[in-house]
């Protein structure tokens, strides 16, 4: 998989967006209002991005 990353945000602030393939979104039932935590690890020059879905308090 080759991720598509694009730049956006307000002037003076750089924000990069990582698109998730539609097949993954569908299979994991990801909704627009879901919230995620991001954990980034580096080891031996490799980068691992781990997203964890956060349950909303009701």
PDB file of N, CA and C in Angstrom:
ATOM      1  N   UNK A   1       0.845  -1.171   0.000  1.00  0.00           N
ATOM      2  CA  UNK A   1       0.000   0.000   0.000  1.00  0.00           C
ATOM      3  C   UNK A   1       0.891   1.236   0.000  1.00  0.00           C
ATOM      4  N   UNK A   2       0.598   2.160  -0.864  1.00  0.00           N
ATOM      5  CA  UNK A   2       1.319   3.421  -0.899  1.00  0.00           C
ATOM      6  C   UNK A   2       0.372   4.509  -0.380  1.00  0.00           C
ATOM      7  N   UNK A   3       0.683   5.080   0.808  1.00  0.00           N
ATOM      8  CA  UNK A   3      -0.225   6.089   1.363  1.00  0.00           C
ATOM      9  C   UNK A   3      -0.207   7.380   0.558  1.00  0.00           C
ATOM     10  N   UNK A   4      -1.329   8.059   0.554  1.00  0.00           N
ATOM     11  CA  UNK A   4      -1.432   9.373  -0.077  1.00  0.00           C
ATOM     12  C   UNK A   4      -1.469  10.391   1.042  1.00  0.00           C
ATOM     13  N   UNK A   5      -0.504  11.273   1.056  1.00  0.00           N
ATOM     14  CA  UNK A   5      -0.404  12.289   2.094  1.00  0.00           C
ATOM     15  C   UNK A   5      -0.504  13.653   1.422  1.00  0.00           C
ATOM     16  N   UNK A   6      -1.334  14.528   1.973  1.00  0.00           N
ATOM     17  CA  UNK A   6      -1.407  15.881   1.423  1.00  0.00           C
ATOM     18  C   UNK A   6      -1.376  16.896   2.551  1.00  0.00           C
ATOM     19  N   UNK A   7      -0.957  18.094   2.189  1.00  0.00           N
ATOM     20  CA  UNK A   7      -0.751  19.177   3.151  1.00  0.00           C
ATOM     21  C   UNK A   7      -1.976  20.076   3.185  1.00  0.00           C
ATOM     22  N   UNK A   8      -2.304  20.562   4.372  1.00  0.00           N
ATOM     23  CA  UNK A   8      -3.416  21.495   4.530  1.00  0.00           C
ATOM     24  C   UNK A   8      -3.220  22.283   5.799  1.00  0.00           C
ATOM     25  N   UNK A   9      -4.267  22.912   6.271  1.00  0.00           N
ATOM     26  CA  UNK A   9      -4.196  23.652   7.522  1.00  0.00           C
ATOM     27  C   UNK A   9      -4.206  25.144   7.306  1.00  0.00           C
ATOM     28  N   UNK A  10      -4.142  25.861   8.407  1.00  0.00           N
ATOM     29  CA  UNK A  10      -4.155  27.322   8.386  1.00  0.00           C
ATOM     30  C   UNK A  10      -2.787  27.849   7.995  1.00  0.00           C
ATOM     31  N   UNK A  11      -2.717  29.071   7.474  1.00  0.00           N
ATOM     32  CA  UNK A  11      -1.416  29.671   7.167  1.00  0.00           C
ATOM     33  C   UNK A  11      -0.535  29.716   8.412  1.00  0.00           C
ATOM     34  N   UNK A  12       0.713  29.310   8.265  1.00  0.00           N
ATOM     35  CA  UNK A  12       1.635  29.288   9.390  1.00  0.00           C
ATOM     36  C   UNK A  12       1.603  27.983  10.166  1.00  0.00           C
ATOM     37  N   UNK A  13       0.627  27.135   9.872  1.00  0.00           N
ATOM     38  CA  UNK A  13       0.524  25.822  10.513  1.00  0.00           C
ATOM     39  C   UNK A  13       0.488  24.766   9.418  1.00  0.00           C
ATOM     40  N   UNK A  14       1.363  23.773   9.525  1.00  0.00           N
ATOM     41  CA  UNK A  14       1.358  22.696   8.548  1.00  0.00           C
ATOM     42  C   UNK A  14       0.655  21.488   9.138  1.00  0.00           C
ATOM     43  N   UNK A  15      -0.328  20.992   8.441  1.00  0.00           N
ATOM     44  CA  UNK A  15      -1.040  19.789   8.834  1.00  0.00           C
ATOM     45  C   UNK A  15      -0.970  18.823   7.666  1.00  0.00           C
ATOM     46  N   UNK A  16      -0.624  17.582   7.950  1.00  0.00           N
ATOM     47  CA  UNK A  16      -0.553  16.568   6.905  1.00  0.00           C
ATOM     48  C   UNK A  16      -1.628  15.531   7.153  1.00  0.00           C
ATOM     49  N   UNK A  17      -2.319  15.136   6.115  1.00  0.00           N
ATOM     50  CA  UNK A  17      -3.413  14.186   6.199  1.00  0.00           C
ATOM     51  C   UNK A  17      -2.998  12.889   5.527  1.00  0.00           C
ATOM     52  N   UNK A  18      -3.282  11.780   6.188  1.00  0.00           N
ATOM     53  CA  UNK A  18      -2.993  10.461   5.657  1.00  0.00           C
ATOM     54  C   UNK A  18      -4.325   9.806   5.306  1.00  0.00           C
ATOM     55  N   UNK A  19      -4.530   9.500   4.043  1.00  0.00           N
ATOM     56  CA  UNK A  19      -5.782   8.879   3.619  1.00  0.00           C
ATOM     57  C   UNK A  19      -5.755   7.382   3.903  1.00  0.00           C
ATOM     58  N   UNK A  20      -6.859   6.873   4.398  1.00  0.00           N
ATOM     59  CA  UNK A  20      -7.019   5.447   4.675  1.00  0.00           C
ATOM     60  C   UNK A  20      -7.799   4.840   3.509  1.00  0.00           C
ATOM     61  N   UNK A  21      -7.305   3.738   2.927  1.00  0.00           N
ATOM     62  CA  UNK A  21      -8.027   3.124   1.802  1.00  0.00           C
ATOM     63  C   UNK A  21      -9.465   2.745   2.193  1.00  0.00           C
ATOM     64  N   UNK A  22     -10.374   2.908   1.253  1.00  0.00           N
ATOM     65  CA  UNK A  22     -11.800   2.661   1.455  1.00  0.00           C
ATOM     66  C   UNK A  22     -12.071   1.240   1.965  1.00  0.00           C
ATOM     67  N   UNK A  23     -11.315   0.257   1.468  1.00  0.00           N
ATOM     68  CA  UNK A  23     -11.525  -1.132   1.885  1.00  0.00           C
ATOM     69  C   UNK A  23     -11.274  -1.311   3.389  1.00  0.00           C
ATOM     70  N   UNK A  24     -10.269  -0.613   3.914  1.00  0.00           N
ATOM     71  CA  UNK A  24      -9.954  -0.701   5.345  1.00  0.00           C
ATOM     72  C   UNK A  24     -11.044  -0.004   6.156  1.00  0.00           C
ATOM     73  N   UNK A  25     -11.475   1.162   5.714  1.00  0.00           N
ATOM     74  CA  UNK A  25     -12.533   1.908   6.412  1.00  0.00           C
ATOM     75  C   UNK A  25     -13.803   1.070   6.479  1.00  0.00           C
ATOM     76  N   UNK A  26     -14.161   0.437   5.371  1.00  0.00           N
ATOM     77  CA  UNK A  26     -15.371  -0.382   5.326  1.00  0.00           C
ATOM     78  C   UNK A  26     -15.248  -1.611   6.210  1.00  0.00           C
ATOM     79  N   UNK A  27     -14.125  -2.312   6.116  1.00  0.00           N
ATOM     80  CA  UNK A  27     -13.983  -3.558   6.872  1.00  0.00           C
ATOM     81  C   UNK A  27     -13.908  -3.317   8.377  1.00  0.00           C
ATOM     82  N   UNK A  28     -13.382  -2.155   8.808  1.00  0.00           N
ATOM     83  CA  UNK A  28     -13.282  -1.839  10.234  1.00  0.00           C
ATOM     84  C   UNK A  28     -14.454  -0.993  10.733  1.00  0.00           C
ATOM     85  N   UNK A  29     -15.395  -0.689   9.844  1.00  0.00           N
ATOM     86  CA  UNK A  29     -16.582   0.106  10.173  1.00  0.00           C
ATOM     87  C   UNK A  29     -16.201   1.438  10.821  1.00  0.00           C
ATOM     88  N   UNK A  30     -15.256   2.145  10.203  1.00  0.00           N
ATOM     89  CA  UNK A  30     -14.815   3.451  10.696  1.00  0.00           C
ATOM     90  C   UNK A  30     -15.815   4.515  10.236  1.00  0.00           C
ATOM     91  N   UNK A  31     -16.265   5.325  11.183  1.00  0.00           N
ATOM     92  CA  UNK A  31     -17.238   6.385  10.903  1.00  0.00           C
ATOM     93  C   UNK A  31     -16.569   7.748  11.033  1.00  0.00           C
ATOM     94  N   UNK A  32     -17.112   8.789  10.378  1.00  0.00           N
ATOM     95  CA  UNK A  32     -16.507  10.124  10.431  1.00  0.00           C
ATOM     96  C   UNK A  32     -16.377  10.698  11.843  1.00  0.00           C
ATOM     97  N   UNK A  33     -17.248  10.294  12.767  1.00  0.00           N
ATOM     98  CA  UNK A  33     -17.184  10.870  14.118  1.00  0.00           C
ATOM     99  C   UNK A  33     -16.375  10.010  15.090  1.00  0.00           C
ATOM    100  N   UNK A  34     -15.731   8.927  14.606  1.00  0.00           N
ATOM    101  CA  UNK A  34     -14.860   8.120  15.462  1.00  0.00           C
ATOM    102  C   UNK A  34     -13.625   8.917  15.850  1.00  0.00           C
ATOM    103  N   UNK A  35     -13.105   8.651  17.041  1.00  0.00           N
ATOM    104  CA  UNK A  35     -11.886   9.312  17.508  1.00  0.00           C
ATOM    105  C   UNK A  35     -10.801   8.257  17.695  1.00  0.00           C
ATOM    106  N   UNK A  36      -9.547   8.653  17.412  1.00  0.00           N
ATOM    107  CA  UNK A  36      -8.429   7.739  17.489  1.00  0.00           C
ATOM    108  C   UNK A  36      -7.262   8.354  18.241  1.00  0.00           C
ATOM    109  N   UNK A  37      -6.477   7.501  18.923  1.00  0.00           N
ATOM    110  CA  UNK A  37      -5.199   7.884  19.517  1.00  0.00           C
ATOM    111  C   UNK A  37      -4.115   7.386  18.576  1.00  0.00           C
ATOM    112  N   UNK A  38      -3.056   8.152  18.430  1.00  0.00           N
ATOM    113  CA  UNK A  38      -1.947   7.751  17.574  1.00  0.00           C
ATOM    114  C   UNK A  38      -0.717   7.475  18.414  1.00  0.00           C
ATOM    115  N   UNK A  39      -0.106   6.336  18.171  1.00  0.00           N
ATOM    116  CA  UNK A  39       1.145   5.966  18.821  1.00  0.00           C
ATOM    117  C   UNK A  39       2.169   5.741  17.698  1.00  0.00           C
ATOM    118  N   UNK A  40       3.310   6.407  17.789  1.00  0.00           N
ATOM    119  CA  UNK A  40       4.352   6.301  16.768  1.00  0.00           C
ATOM    120  C   UNK A  40       5.580   5.656  17.379  1.00  0.00           C
ATOM    121  N   UNK A  41       6.081   4.613  16.735  1.00  0.00           N
ATOM    122  CA  UNK A  41       7.285   3.931  17.192  1.00  0.00           C
ATOM    123  C   UNK A  41       8.280   3.868  16.040  1.00  0.00           C
ATOM    124  N   UNK A  42       9.569   4.012  16.375  1.00  0.00           N
ATOM    125  CA  UNK A  42      10.620   3.828  15.367  1.00  0.00           C
ATOM    126  C   UNK A  42      11.590   2.776  15.875  1.00  0.00           C
ATOM    127  N   UNK A  43      11.979   1.879  14.971  1.00  0.00           N
ATOM    128  CA  UNK A  43      12.918   0.827  15.312  1.00  0.00           C
ATOM    129  C   UNK A  43      13.636   0.403  14.048  1.00  0.00           C
ATOM    130  N   UNK A  44      14.958   0.404  14.106  1.00  0.00           N
ATOM    131  CA  UNK A  44      15.788   0.005  12.963  1.00  0.00           C
ATOM    132  C   UNK A  44      15.433   0.769  11.688  1.00  0.00           C
ATOM    133  N   UNK A  45      15.125   2.053  11.833  1.00  0.00           N
ATOM    134  CA  UNK A  45      14.809   2.881  10.668  1.00  0.00           C
ATOM    135  C   UNK A  45      13.395   2.709  10.140  1.00  0.00           C
ATOM    136  N   UNK A  46      12.594   1.864  10.772  1.00  0.00           N
ATOM    137  CA  UNK A  46      11.208   1.654  10.358  1.00  0.00           C
ATOM    138  C   UNK A  46      10.287   2.475  11.255  1.00  0.00           C
ATOM    139  N   UNK A  47       9.210   2.978  10.689  1.00  0.00           N
ATOM    140  CA  UNK A  47       8.219   3.752  11.438  1.00  0.00           C
ATOM    141  C   UNK A  47       6.935   2.927  11.520  1.00  0.00           C
ATOM    142  N   UNK A  48       6.398   2.808  12.719  1.00  0.00           N
ATOM    143  CA  UNK A  48       5.126   2.118  12.912  1.00  0.00           C
ATOM    144  C   UNK A  48       4.122   3.116  13.472  1.00  0.00           C
ATOM    145  N   UNK A  49       3.001   3.268  12.753  1.00  0.00           N
ATOM    146  CA  UNK A  49       1.906   4.116  13.219  1.00  0.00           C
ATOM    147  C   UNK A  49       0.809   3.191  13.724  1.00  0.00           C
ATOM    148  N   UNK A  50       0.425   3.359  14.973  1.00  0.00           N
ATOM    149  CA  UNK A  50      -0.612   2.518  15.563  1.00  0.00           C
ATOM    150  C   UNK A  50      -1.758   3.416  16.014  1.00  0.00           C
ATOM    151  N   UNK A  51      -2.895   3.269  15.343  1.00  0.00           N
ATOM    152  CA  UNK A  51      -4.080   4.040  15.692  1.00  0.00           C
ATOM    153  C   UNK A  51      -4.990   3.173  16.542  1.00  0.00           C
ATOM    154  N   UNK A  52      -5.484   3.725  17.651  1.00  0.00           N
ATOM    155  CA  UNK A  52      -6.386   3.010  18.541  1.00  0.00           C
ATOM    156  C   UNK A  52      -7.691   3.785  18.604  1.00  0.00           C
ATOM    157  N   UNK A  53      -8.784   3.099  18.302  1.00  0.00           N
ATOM    158  CA  UNK A  53     -10.093   3.755  18.361  1.00  0.00           C
ATOM    159  C   UNK A  53     -10.448   4.001  19.823  1.00  0.00           C
ATOM    160  N   UNK A  54     -10.848   5.232  20.150  1.00  0.00           N
ATOM    161  CA  UNK A  54     -11.187   5.617  21.516  1.00  0.00           C
ATOM    162  C   UNK A  54     -12.705   5.588  21.662  1.00  0.00           C
ATOM    163  N   UNK A  55     -13.149   4.856  22.663  1.00  0.00           N
ATOM    164  CA  UNK A  55     -14.592   4.811  22.920  1.00  0.00           C
ATOM    165  C   UNK A  55     -15.020   6.112  23.589  1.00  0.00           C
ATOM    166  N   UNK A  56     -16.127   6.645  23.135  1.00  0.00           N
ATOM    167  CA  UNK A  56     -16.628   7.894  23.696  1.00  0.00           C
ATOM    168  C   UNK A  56     -17.368   7.620  24.990  1.00  0.00           C
ATOM    169  N   UNK A  57     -17.185   8.508  25.956  1.00  0.00           N
ATOM    170  CA  UNK A  57     -17.905   8.394  27.223  1.00  0.00           C
ATOM    171  C   UNK A  57     -19.363   8.750  26.993  1.00  0.00           C
ATOM    172  N   UNK A  58     -20.245   7.970  27.570  1.00  0.00           N
ATOM    173  CA  UNK A  58     -21.681   8.260  27.387  1.00  0.00           C
ATOM    174  C   UNK A  58     -22.314   8.705  28.667  1.00  0.00           C
TER     175      UNK A  58
END
